[in-house]
Amino acid sequence: MIKKFFSFFLISIIFLSYGLKLKSETEFEFYLNDFSYKRNKAIKILKEVELNLKSGSRINSCSRQREAARLGMLANDSLIKAYKLNGEEAPKEVIESNKIRWKSILENC
């Protein structure tokens, strides 16, 4: 019984790790999906922090904001890589303004 469970567990891990990589057809799509995922997660975290602060709770607000800022900065990096892979130049003004915004959240908490 344990052997079957271990085999199932191992197959599941292999399937998931390769399955997630096959989801994106190209490296460009991978980085674009990574950008979207990290950006959305960062925004979700900031919304949760905002709701907590509005309700009067300051528990973990700074650490969560820093986590969101790190994700936002990583999302920007993924977007830049996607543009480079596609042979285009990323919109520097937008990237820089986003970088400044995320950096200020990271530093001012």
C-alpha atoms as a PDB file:
ATOM      1  CA  MET A   1       0.000   0.000   0.000  1.00  0.00           C
ATOM      2  CA  ILE A   2       2.791   2.425   0.910  1.00  0.00           C
ATOM      3  CA  LYS A   3       4.662   1.487  -2.248  1.00  0.00           C
ATOM      4  CA  LYS A   4       1.606   2.334  -4.389  1.00  0.00           C
ATOM      5  CA  PHE A   5       1.137   5.642  -2.592  1.00  0.00           C
ATOM      6  CA  PHE A   6       4.814   6.534  -3.041  1.00  0.00           C
ATOM      7  CA  SER A   7       4.658   5.622  -6.743  1.00  0.00           C
ATOM      8  CA  PHE A   8       1.514   7.701  -7.221  1.00  0.00           C
ATOM      9  CA  PHE A   9       3.094  10.613  -5.356  1.00  0.00           C
ATOM     10  CA  LEU A  10       6.281  10.448  -7.433  1.00  0.00           C
ATOM     11  CA  ILE A  11       4.359  10.243 -10.716  1.00  0.00           C
ATOM     12  CA  SER A  12       2.208  13.190  -9.663  1.00  0.00           C
ATOM     13  CA  ILE A  13       5.242  15.329  -8.898  1.00  0.00           C
ATOM     14  CA  ILE A  14       6.874  14.469 -12.221  1.00  0.00           C
ATOM     15  CA  PHE A  15       3.660  15.127 -14.117  1.00  0.00           C
ATOM     16  CA  LEU A  16       3.078  18.471 -12.412  1.00  0.00           C
ATOM     17  CA  SER A  17       6.615  19.708 -12.848  1.00  0.00           C
ATOM     18  CA  TYR A  18       6.736  18.847 -16.539  1.00  0.00           C
ATOM     19  CA  GLY A  19       3.097  19.712 -17.106  1.00  0.00           C
ATOM     20  CA  LEU A  20       3.585  23.261 -15.912  1.00  0.00           C
ATOM     21  CA  LYS A  21       6.537  23.762 -18.225  1.00  0.00           C
ATOM     22  CA  LEU A  22       4.611  22.416 -21.213  1.00  0.00           C
ATOM     23  CA  LYS A  23       1.724  24.795 -20.546  1.00  0.00           C
ATOM     24  CA  SER A  24       3.672  27.598 -22.202  1.00  0.00           C
ATOM     25  CA  GLU A  25       4.570  26.846 -25.759  1.00  0.00           C
ATOM     26  CA  THR A  26       7.473  29.249 -25.941  1.00  0.00           C
ATOM     27  CA  GLU A  27       9.888  30.984 -23.590  1.00  0.00           C
ATOM     28  CA  PHE A  28       8.194  34.260 -24.451  1.00  0.00           C
ATOM     29  CA  GLU A  29       4.836  32.928 -23.245  1.00  0.00           C
ATOM     30  CA  PHE A  30       6.482  31.484 -20.148  1.00  0.00           C
ATOM     31  CA  TYR A  31       7.871  34.865 -19.109  1.00  0.00           C
ATOM     32  CA  LEU A  32       4.640  36.625 -20.039  1.00  0.00           C
ATOM     33  CA  ASN A  33       2.645  34.158 -17.922  1.00  0.00           C
ATOM     34  CA  ASP A  34       5.174  34.553 -15.103  1.00  0.00           C
ATOM     35  CA  PHE A  35       4.788  38.344 -15.279  1.00  0.00           C
ATOM     36  CA  SER A  36       1.014  38.096 -15.177  1.00  0.00           C
ATOM     37  CA  TYR A  37       0.979  35.614 -12.303  1.00  0.00           C
ATOM     38  CA  LYS A  38       3.429  37.552 -10.119  1.00  0.00           C
ATOM     39  CA  ARG A  39       1.811  40.904 -10.828  1.00  0.00           C
ATOM     40  CA  ASN A  40      -1.672  39.597 -10.032  1.00  0.00           C
ATOM     41  CA  LYS A  41      -0.432  37.943  -6.850  1.00  0.00           C
ATOM     42  CA  ALA A  42       1.298  41.159  -5.742  1.00  0.00           C
ATOM     43  CA  ILE A  43      -1.852  43.185  -6.368  1.00  0.00           C
ATOM     44  CA  LYS A  44      -3.946  40.640  -4.487  1.00  0.00           C
ATOM     45  CA  ILE A  45      -1.599  40.838  -1.489  1.00  0.00           C
ATOM     46  CA  LEU A  46      -1.763  44.641  -1.498  1.00  0.00           C
ATOM     47  CA  LYS A  47      -5.566  44.552  -1.601  1.00  0.00           C
ATOM     48  CA  GLU A  48      -5.604  42.150   1.347  1.00  0.00           C
ATOM     49  CA  VAL A  49      -3.267  44.440   3.292  1.00  0.00           C
ATOM     50  CA  GLU A  50      -5.442  47.424   2.459  1.00  0.00           C
ATOM     51  CA  LEU A  51      -8.569  45.645   3.722  1.00  0.00           C
ATOM     52  CA  ASN A  52      -6.761  44.615   6.904  1.00  0.00           C
ATOM     53  CA  LEU A  53      -5.568  48.169   7.524  1.00  0.00           C
ATOM     54  CA  LYS A  54      -9.050  49.559   6.917  1.00  0.00           C
ATOM     55  CA  SER A  55     -10.446  47.138   9.482  1.00  0.00           C
ATOM     56  CA  GLY A  56      -7.818  48.284  11.974  1.00  0.00           C
ATOM     57  CA  SER A  57      -5.468  45.316  11.834  1.00  0.00           C
ATOM     58  CA  ARG A  58      -1.782  46.059  11.278  1.00  0.00           C
ATOM     59  CA  ILE A  59      -0.652  42.469  11.768  1.00  0.00           C
ATOM     60  CA  ASN A  60       1.977  41.503   9.176  1.00  0.00           C
ATOM     61  CA  SER A  61       1.124  44.528   7.029  1.00  0.00           C
ATOM     62  CA  CYS A  62       4.738  45.543   6.397  1.00  0.00           C
ATOM     63  CA  SER A  63       5.995  42.044   5.704  1.00  0.00           C
ATOM     64  CA  ARG A  64       3.088  41.415   3.317  1.00  0.00           C
ATOM     65  CA  GLN A  65       3.711  44.731   1.541  1.00  0.00           C
ATOM     66  CA  ARG A  66       7.385  43.861   1.124  1.00  0.00           C
ATOM     67  CA  GLU A  67       6.404  40.443  -0.232  1.00  0.00           C
ATOM     68  CA  ALA A  68       4.112  42.132  -2.759  1.00  0.00           C
ATOM     69  CA  ALA A  69       6.853  44.580  -3.741  1.00  0.00           C
ATOM     70  CA  ARG A  70       9.357  41.767  -4.309  1.00  0.00           C
ATOM     71  CA  LEU A  71       6.831  39.926  -6.471  1.00  0.00           C
ATOM     72  CA  GLY A  72       6.122  43.113  -8.404  1.00  0.00           C
ATOM     73  CA  MET A  73       9.814  43.657  -9.091  1.00  0.00           C
ATOM     74  CA  LEU A  74      10.218  40.044 -10.203  1.00  0.00           C
ATOM     75  CA  ALA A  75       7.188  40.484 -12.457  1.00  0.00           C
ATOM     76  CA  ASN A  76       8.877  43.485 -14.091  1.00  0.00           C
ATOM     77  CA  ASP A  77      12.001  41.399 -14.698  1.00  0.00           C
ATOM     78  CA  SER A  78       9.911  38.701 -16.363  1.00  0.00           C
ATOM     79  CA  LEU A  79       8.224  41.276 -18.578  1.00  0.00           C
ATOM     80  CA  ILE A  80      11.592  42.657 -19.673  1.00  0.00           C
ATOM     81  CA  LYS A  81      12.807  39.135 -20.511  1.00  0.00           C
ATOM     82  CA  ALA A  82       9.635  38.461 -22.507  1.00  0.00           C
ATOM     83  CA  TYR A  83      10.147  41.602 -24.566  1.00  0.00           C
ATOM     84  CA  LYS A  84      13.791  40.725 -25.197  1.00  0.00           C
ATOM     85  CA  LEU A  85      12.896  37.196 -26.308  1.00  0.00           C
ATOM     86  CA  ASN A  86      10.314  38.631 -28.675  1.00  0.00           C
ATOM     87  CA  GLY A  87      12.940  40.927 -30.190  1.00  0.00           C
ATOM     88  CA  GLU A  88      11.246  44.080 -28.962  1.00  0.00           C
ATOM     89  CA  GLU A  89      12.284  46.790 -26.563  1.00  0.00           C
ATOM     90  CA  ALA A  90      10.263  47.050 -23.385  1.00  0.00           C
ATOM     91  CA  PRO A  91       8.474  50.366 -22.733  1.00  0.00           C
ATOM     92  CA  LYS A  92      11.113  51.915 -20.490  1.00  0.00           C
ATOM     93  CA  GLU A  93       8.881  54.639 -19.037  1.00  0.00           C
ATOM     94  CA  VAL A  94       6.272  52.149 -17.854  1.00  0.00           C
ATOM     95  CA  ILE A  95       8.844  49.702 -16.528  1.00  0.00           C
ATOM     96  CA  GLU A  96      10.709  52.457 -14.671  1.00  0.00           C
ATOM     97  CA  SER A  97       7.551  53.912 -13.135  1.00  0.00           C
ATOM     98  CA  ASN A  98       6.506  50.447 -11.982  1.00  0.00           C
ATOM     99  CA  LYS A  99       9.982  49.804 -10.588  1.00  0.00           C
ATOM    100  CA  ILE A 100       9.885  53.080  -8.662  1.00  0.00           C
ATOM    101  CA  ARG A 101       6.442  52.281  -7.276  1.00  0.00           C
ATOM    102  CA  TRP A 102       7.424  48.778  -6.124  1.00  0.00           C
ATOM    103  CA  LYS A 103      10.722  50.033  -4.703  1.00  0.00           C
ATOM    104  CA  SER A 104       8.967  52.742  -2.692  1.00  0.00           C
ATOM    105  CA  ILE A 105       6.598  50.141  -1.214  1.00  0.00           C
ATOM    106  CA  LEU A 106       9.572  47.957  -0.383  1.00  0.00           C
ATOM    107  CA  GLU A 107      11.572  50.722   1.273  1.00  0.00           C
ATOM    108  CA  ASN A 108       8.871  52.802   2.972  1.00  0.00           C
ATOM    109  CA  CYS A 109       7.217  50.222   5.147  1.00  0.00           C
END
